[in-house]
Amino acid sequence: MRLFLLTLFCLTLFALNSILCRAALITWGMEPLQYTAVRSLSAAAMLALLCLSRIIRPQENAGTIWKQVWQQSSWAGGMCLFMYMLSFSLAYVSIPSAAGTLILNISVQFGMVGWGIYQGLNPNRRQVSGLAIAFVGLAALMSPGLTAPPLVSSLLMVVAGLAWAGYTLCGRASTSAPLATAGNFFRCAVAGTITALLALFLEGSAHPMAYLCALGAGALASALGYTLWYSVVPRYSLVGSSIIQLSVPLITAVLAVILLAEPITLRLVLCSIPILGGICLALLAKKNA
């Protein structure tokens, strides 16, 4: 029960990234550059605090924690992380929370599989079938219609998903996910600082609640959420943890209805079935390959 509750809490924090972003941008009038800057810088500050308090622990006989977070991370990982957050913020200016999360999830999977194919890996028939089913669902979701999410925002969310896939791939050489996460957020803070300066000149001020939403998304939903998740992940198989994360769009949809009064359209419900089902089939096929 403790593992279940902690897992549910982590997944809820992930879903809150979408909810808090939409609330800040739409409800409280924040603009995307400000949001990205506050989220990235507050996440870096929280992770620095977690390192100082030794909640994120250094590996033994490997130098100071600051040396380790630098060694475990990379500039490529930090920039992929920033690109994810910037595209995420820009997309949520006009795309509903649940649709955005759904597109993000499938884009991550396509990014990971695409890189594998580029590296010479051949997906098996069930993986191809699962991803094909998911792609059909995504195409149906994004096809023209009154209830379709805006195309430009959908494409921006695809970019966010591919950037997250890149961030994940950059971390494959790491031996400590929490240390790598901290280091990549510290590197990302450089771009976050530049973005904050640009926002001062290009964007107006927002409601104080918007800044609270951005701080919550950075310090809690991102920094704390990722750190807690990496303490939970070892209890699951790689495929199991990936499948569990497919519940994030569903949690997001429920929270969007309750907190933001966003409608759940029939198109979203019908398209989510092949998208999530296809990804699940591809992940299970990977396990059995």
Protein backbone atom coordinates (compact mmCIF):
# COMPACT_ATOMS: atom_id res chain seq x y z
CA MET A 1 0.00 0.00 0.00
CA ARG A 2 2.85 2.39 0.80
CA LEU A 3 4.44 1.75 -2.61
CA PHE A 4 1.07 2.20 -4.32
CA LEU A 5 0.40 5.51 -2.57
CA LEU A 6 3.90 6.85 -3.28
CA THR A 7 3.60 5.83 -6.93
CA LEU A 8 0.19 7.49 -7.21
CA PHE A 9 1.59 10.64 -5.59
CA CYS A 10 4.47 10.78 -8.11
CA LEU A 11 2.13 10.25 -11.06
CA THR A 12 -0.17 12.97 -9.72
CA LEU A 13 2.78 15.36 -9.51
CA PHE A 14 3.61 14.59 -13.14
CA ALA A 15 0.00 15.32 -14.12
CA LEU A 16 0.12 18.56 -12.14
CA ASN A 17 2.84 19.84 -14.47
CA SER A 18 0.15 20.17 -17.14
CA ILE A 19 -2.52 21.49 -14.78
CA LEU A 20 -0.27 24.13 -13.21
CA CYS A 21 0.98 25.26 -16.60
CA ARG A 22 -2.53 25.70 -17.97
CA ALA A 23 -3.64 27.46 -14.77
CA ALA A 24 -0.72 29.90 -14.89
CA LEU A 25 -1.06 30.65 -18.60
CA ILE A 26 -4.82 30.66 -19.06
CA THR A 27 -6.38 31.35 -15.66
CA TRP A 28 -3.79 33.79 -14.29
CA GLY A 29 -2.45 35.37 -17.48
CA MET A 30 1.21 34.40 -17.35
CA GLU A 31 3.18 34.27 -20.60
CA PRO A 32 5.22 31.21 -21.67
CA LEU A 33 8.75 32.64 -21.39
CA GLN A 34 8.12 33.76 -17.81
CA TYR A 35 6.61 30.41 -16.95
CA THR A 36 9.52 28.46 -18.43
CA ALA A 37 12.06 30.62 -16.62
CA VAL A 38 10.39 30.36 -13.21
CA ARG A 39 9.80 26.62 -13.58
CA SER A 40 13.38 25.84 -14.59
CA LEU A 41 15.05 28.10 -12.02
CA SER A 42 12.82 26.99 -9.13
CA ALA A 43 13.45 23.34 -10.00
CA ALA A 44 17.21 23.95 -9.98
CA ALA A 45 16.95 25.73 -6.61
CA MET A 46 14.93 22.87 -5.09
CA LEU A 47 17.39 20.27 -6.37
CA ALA A 48 20.29 22.29 -4.93
CA LEU A 49 18.48 22.24 -1.58
CA LEU A 50 17.94 18.47 -1.86
CA CYS A 51 21.65 18.03 -2.55
CA LEU A 52 22.66 20.26 0.39
CA SER A 53 20.35 18.36 2.74
CA ARG A 54 21.68 15.02 1.44
CA ILE A 55 18.22 13.85 0.41
CA ILE A 56 19.96 13.37 -2.93
CA ARG A 57 23.01 11.40 -1.83
CA PRO A 58 26.43 11.28 -3.49
CA GLN A 59 27.96 7.98 -4.45
CA GLU A 60 30.73 6.74 -2.18
CA ASN A 61 34.35 7.45 -3.06
CA ALA A 62 33.42 9.51 -6.12
CA GLY A 63 34.14 13.05 -4.95
CA THR A 64 31.88 15.80 -3.67
CA ILE A 65 28.20 15.82 -4.55
CA TRP A 66 28.72 18.93 -6.73
CA LYS A 67 31.45 17.18 -8.69
CA GLN A 68 29.20 14.16 -9.12
CA VAL A 69 26.13 16.06 -10.33
CA TRP A 70 28.33 17.70 -12.94
CA GLN A 71 29.89 14.42 -14.05
CA GLN A 72 26.55 12.59 -14.18
CA SER A 73 24.91 15.26 -16.34
CA SER A 74 25.67 16.83 -19.71
CA TRP A 75 25.05 20.03 -21.64
CA ALA A 76 23.11 18.03 -24.22
CA GLY A 77 20.85 16.70 -21.47
CA GLY A 78 20.40 20.15 -19.95
CA MET A 79 19.48 21.71 -23.30
CA CYS A 80 17.06 18.90 -24.17
CA LEU A 81 15.45 19.47 -20.78
CA PHE A 82 15.13 23.20 -21.46
CA MET A 83 13.72 22.59 -24.95
CA TYR A 84 11.14 20.27 -23.43
CA MET A 85 10.05 22.88 -20.88
CA LEU A 86 9.95 25.74 -23.39
CA SER A 87 7.96 23.79 -26.01
CA PHE A 88 5.69 22.48 -23.25
CA SER A 89 4.89 26.03 -22.10
CA LEU A 90 4.36 27.36 -25.62
CA ALA A 91 2.05 24.45 -26.49
CA TYR A 92 -0.14 24.89 -23.42
CA VAL A 93 -1.05 28.42 -24.41
CA SER A 94 -3.88 26.92 -26.44
CA ILE A 95 -3.99 23.11 -26.11
CA PRO A 96 -6.15 21.46 -23.38
CA SER A 97 -4.31 19.69 -20.56
CA ALA A 98 -5.38 16.11 -21.28
CA ALA A 99 -4.80 16.31 -25.04
CA GLY A 100 -1.38 17.86 -24.48
CA THR A 101 -0.30 15.12 -22.09
CA LEU A 102 -1.54 12.44 -24.46
CA ILE A 103 0.44 13.88 -27.39
CA LEU A 104 3.50 14.31 -25.16
CA ASN A 105 3.45 10.65 -24.10
CA ILE A 106 3.20 9.20 -27.60
CA SER A 107 5.87 11.58 -28.90
CA VAL A 108 8.30 10.39 -26.22
CA GLN A 109 7.75 6.78 -27.28
CA PHE A 110 8.21 7.58 -30.98
CA GLY A 111 11.38 9.50 -30.17
CA MET A 112 12.84 6.60 -28.22
CA VAL A 113 11.94 4.03 -30.87
CA GLY A 114 13.14 6.29 -33.68
CA TRP A 115 16.53 6.64 -32.04
CA GLY A 116 16.72 2.87 -31.58
CA ILE A 117 16.02 2.31 -35.26
CA TYR A 118 18.65 4.93 -36.17
CA GLN A 119 21.14 3.01 -34.03
CA GLY A 120 20.37 -0.20 -35.91
CA LEU A 121 17.80 -1.86 -33.67
CA ASN A 122 14.95 -3.61 -35.47
CA PRO A 123 11.58 -3.43 -33.70
CA ASN A 124 9.61 -6.66 -33.76
CA ARG A 125 6.21 -7.07 -35.38
CA ARG A 126 4.21 -6.46 -32.21
CA GLN A 127 6.14 -3.29 -31.45
CA VAL A 128 5.52 -1.98 -34.95
CA SER A 129 1.84 -2.90 -34.69
CA GLY A 130 1.48 -1.17 -31.31
CA LEU A 131 3.14 2.02 -32.48
CA ALA A 132 1.12 1.97 -35.72
CA ILE A 133 -2.10 1.75 -33.70
CA ALA A 134 -0.94 4.60 -31.47
CA PHE A 135 -0.03 6.70 -34.51
CA VAL A 136 -3.48 6.18 -36.03
CA GLY A 137 -5.00 7.39 -32.76
CA LEU A 138 -2.71 10.44 -32.74
CA ALA A 139 -3.56 11.24 -36.38
CA ALA A 140 -7.26 11.01 -35.59
CA LEU A 141 -6.84 13.28 -32.56
CA MET A 142 -4.97 15.93 -34.57
CA SER A 143 -7.08 15.72 -37.73
CA PRO A 144 -9.17 18.82 -38.57
CA GLY A 145 -12.42 19.24 -36.71
CA LEU A 146 -14.23 21.41 -34.18
CA THR A 147 -12.89 19.46 -31.20
CA ALA A 148 -9.35 18.91 -32.52
CA PRO A 149 -6.55 20.50 -30.50
CA PRO A 150 -4.83 23.42 -32.32
CA LEU A 151 -2.34 22.07 -34.84
CA VAL A 152 0.55 24.42 -34.00
CA SER A 153 0.23 23.70 -30.28
CA SER A 154 0.00 19.97 -31.00
CA LEU A 155 3.21 20.13 -33.03
CA LEU A 156 4.92 22.08 -30.24
CA MET A 157 3.91 19.31 -27.83
CA VAL A 158 5.40 16.78 -30.25
CA VAL A 159 8.66 18.76 -30.07
CA ALA A 160 8.42 18.68 -26.26
CA GLY A 161 7.99 14.91 -26.33
CA LEU A 162 10.94 14.41 -28.68
CA ALA A 163 13.06 16.70 -26.48
CA TRP A 164 12.13 14.62 -23.43
CA ALA A 165 13.10 11.48 -25.33
CA GLY A 166 16.45 13.14 -26.10
CA TYR A 167 16.86 14.07 -22.44
CA THR A 168 16.19 10.45 -21.46
CA LEU A 169 18.70 9.14 -23.99
CA CYS A 170 21.33 11.59 -22.77
CA GLY A 171 21.02 10.08 -19.30
CA ARG A 172 21.71 6.49 -20.33
CA ALA A 173 25.38 6.73 -19.32
CA SER A 174 24.50 8.00 -15.85
CA THR A 175 24.86 5.70 -12.84
CA SER A 176 22.65 7.84 -10.59
CA ALA A 177 19.38 9.25 -11.96
CA PRO A 178 18.87 11.73 -9.07
CA LEU A 179 22.38 13.16 -9.45
CA ALA A 180 22.00 13.37 -13.23
CA THR A 181 18.63 15.09 -12.85
CA ALA A 182 20.11 17.69 -10.49
CA GLY A 183 23.06 18.33 -12.79
CA ASN A 184 20.91 18.66 -15.89
CA PHE A 185 18.58 21.12 -14.15
CA PHE A 186 21.62 23.15 -13.00
CA ARG A 187 22.83 23.32 -16.61
CA CYS A 188 19.29 24.08 -17.79
CA ALA A 189 19.21 27.02 -15.36
CA VAL A 190 21.69 28.84 -17.62
CA ALA A 191 19.12 28.90 -20.43
CA GLY A 192 16.43 29.60 -17.82
CA THR A 193 18.27 32.73 -16.71
CA ILE A 194 18.58 33.99 -20.29
CA THR A 195 14.86 33.28 -20.78
CA ALA A 196 14.03 35.25 -17.62
CA LEU A 197 15.93 38.26 -18.99
CA LEU A 198 14.11 38.01 -22.32
CA ALA A 199 10.77 37.78 -20.51
CA LEU A 200 11.51 41.03 -18.69
CA PHE A 201 11.69 42.84 -22.03
CA LEU A 202 9.14 40.90 -24.08
CA GLU A 203 6.38 39.98 -21.64
CA GLY A 204 4.24 41.79 -19.12
CA SER A 205 3.82 40.97 -15.45
CA ALA A 206 1.40 38.25 -14.34
CA HIS A 207 -0.88 37.67 -11.39
CA PRO A 208 0.92 36.48 -8.21
CA MET A 209 -1.00 33.19 -8.39
CA ALA A 210 0.62 32.53 -11.77
CA TYR A 211 4.06 32.73 -10.18
CA LEU A 212 2.93 30.34 -7.44
CA CYS A 213 1.78 27.89 -10.10
CA ALA A 214 5.14 28.12 -11.89
CA LEU A 215 7.03 27.71 -8.61
CA GLY A 216 4.90 24.69 -7.74
CA ALA A 217 5.52 23.15 -11.16
CA GLY A 218 9.29 23.66 -10.85
CA ALA A 219 10.07 22.99 -7.20
CA LEU A 220 7.39 20.38 -6.46
CA ALA A 221 5.96 18.74 -9.58
CA SER A 222 9.32 18.66 -11.42
CA ALA A 223 12.22 18.62 -8.95
CA LEU A 224 10.55 16.78 -6.05
CA GLY A 225 8.40 14.64 -8.34
CA TYR A 226 11.34 13.38 -10.38
CA THR A 227 13.43 12.73 -7.26
CA LEU A 228 10.65 10.72 -5.60
CA TRP A 229 9.99 8.83 -8.80
CA TYR A 230 13.60 7.65 -9.01
CA SER A 231 13.26 6.25 -5.49
CA VAL A 232 10.17 4.30 -6.62
CA VAL A 233 11.34 3.09 -10.05
CA PRO A 234 13.75 0.38 -8.75
CA ARG A 235 10.72 -1.43 -7.31
CA TYR A 236 9.33 -1.96 -10.82
CA SER A 237 10.66 -3.46 -14.02
CA LEU A 238 11.63 -1.03 -16.78
CA VAL A 239 8.58 -2.00 -18.83
CA GLY A 240 6.34 -1.95 -15.76
CA SER A 241 7.36 1.59 -14.82
CA SER A 242 6.82 2.73 -18.43
CA ILE A 243 3.32 1.25 -18.53
CA ILE A 244 2.46 2.78 -15.15
CA GLN A 245 3.32 6.21 -16.52
CA LEU A 246 0.62 5.77 -19.17
CA SER A 247 -1.86 6.58 -16.40
CA VAL A 248 -0.58 10.21 -16.33
CA PRO A 249 -2.85 11.37 -19.22
CA LEU A 250 -5.85 9.83 -17.43
CA ILE A 251 -4.97 11.50 -14.12
CA THR A 252 -4.42 14.76 -15.99
CA ALA A 253 -7.84 14.49 -17.62
CA VAL A 254 -9.55 13.99 -14.25
CA LEU A 255 -7.67 16.87 -12.62
CA ALA A 256 -8.38 19.12 -15.63
CA VAL A 257 -12.10 18.55 -15.23
CA ILE A 258 -12.03 19.16 -11.46
CA LEU A 259 -9.57 22.05 -11.24
CA LEU A 260 -9.80 23.79 -14.62
CA ALA A 261 -13.30 22.86 -15.76
CA GLU A 262 -11.88 21.64 -19.07
CA PRO A 263 -14.32 19.45 -21.01
CA ILE A 264 -13.45 15.88 -21.99
CA THR A 265 -14.51 15.54 -25.62
CA LEU A 266 -15.70 12.34 -27.26
CA ARG A 267 -12.83 12.67 -29.77
CA LEU A 268 -10.27 12.71 -26.92
CA VAL A 269 -11.82 9.64 -25.27
CA LEU A 270 -12.02 7.65 -28.49
CA CYS A 271 -8.51 8.59 -29.64
CA SER A 272 -6.93 7.93 -26.24
CA ILE A 273 -7.89 4.24 -26.46
CA PRO A 274 -5.70 3.36 -29.49
CA ILE A 275 -2.95 5.76 -28.39
CA LEU A 276 -2.53 4.34 -24.89
CA GLY A 277 -3.38 0.80 -25.97
CA GLY A 278 -0.88 0.89 -28.82
CA ILE A 279 1.91 2.22 -26.59
CA CYS A 280 1.12 -0.46 -24.00
CA LEU A 281 1.24 -3.17 -26.69
CA ALA A 282 4.60 -1.87 -27.93
CA LEU A 283 6.04 -1.82 -24.40
CA LEU A 284 4.84 -5.35 -23.66
CA ALA A 285 6.25 -6.52 -26.99
CA LYS A 286 9.60 -5.03 -25.98
CA LYS A 287 9.49 -7.04 -22.77
CA ASN A 288 8.78 -10.29 -24.60
CA ALA A 289 11.28 -9.69 -27.41
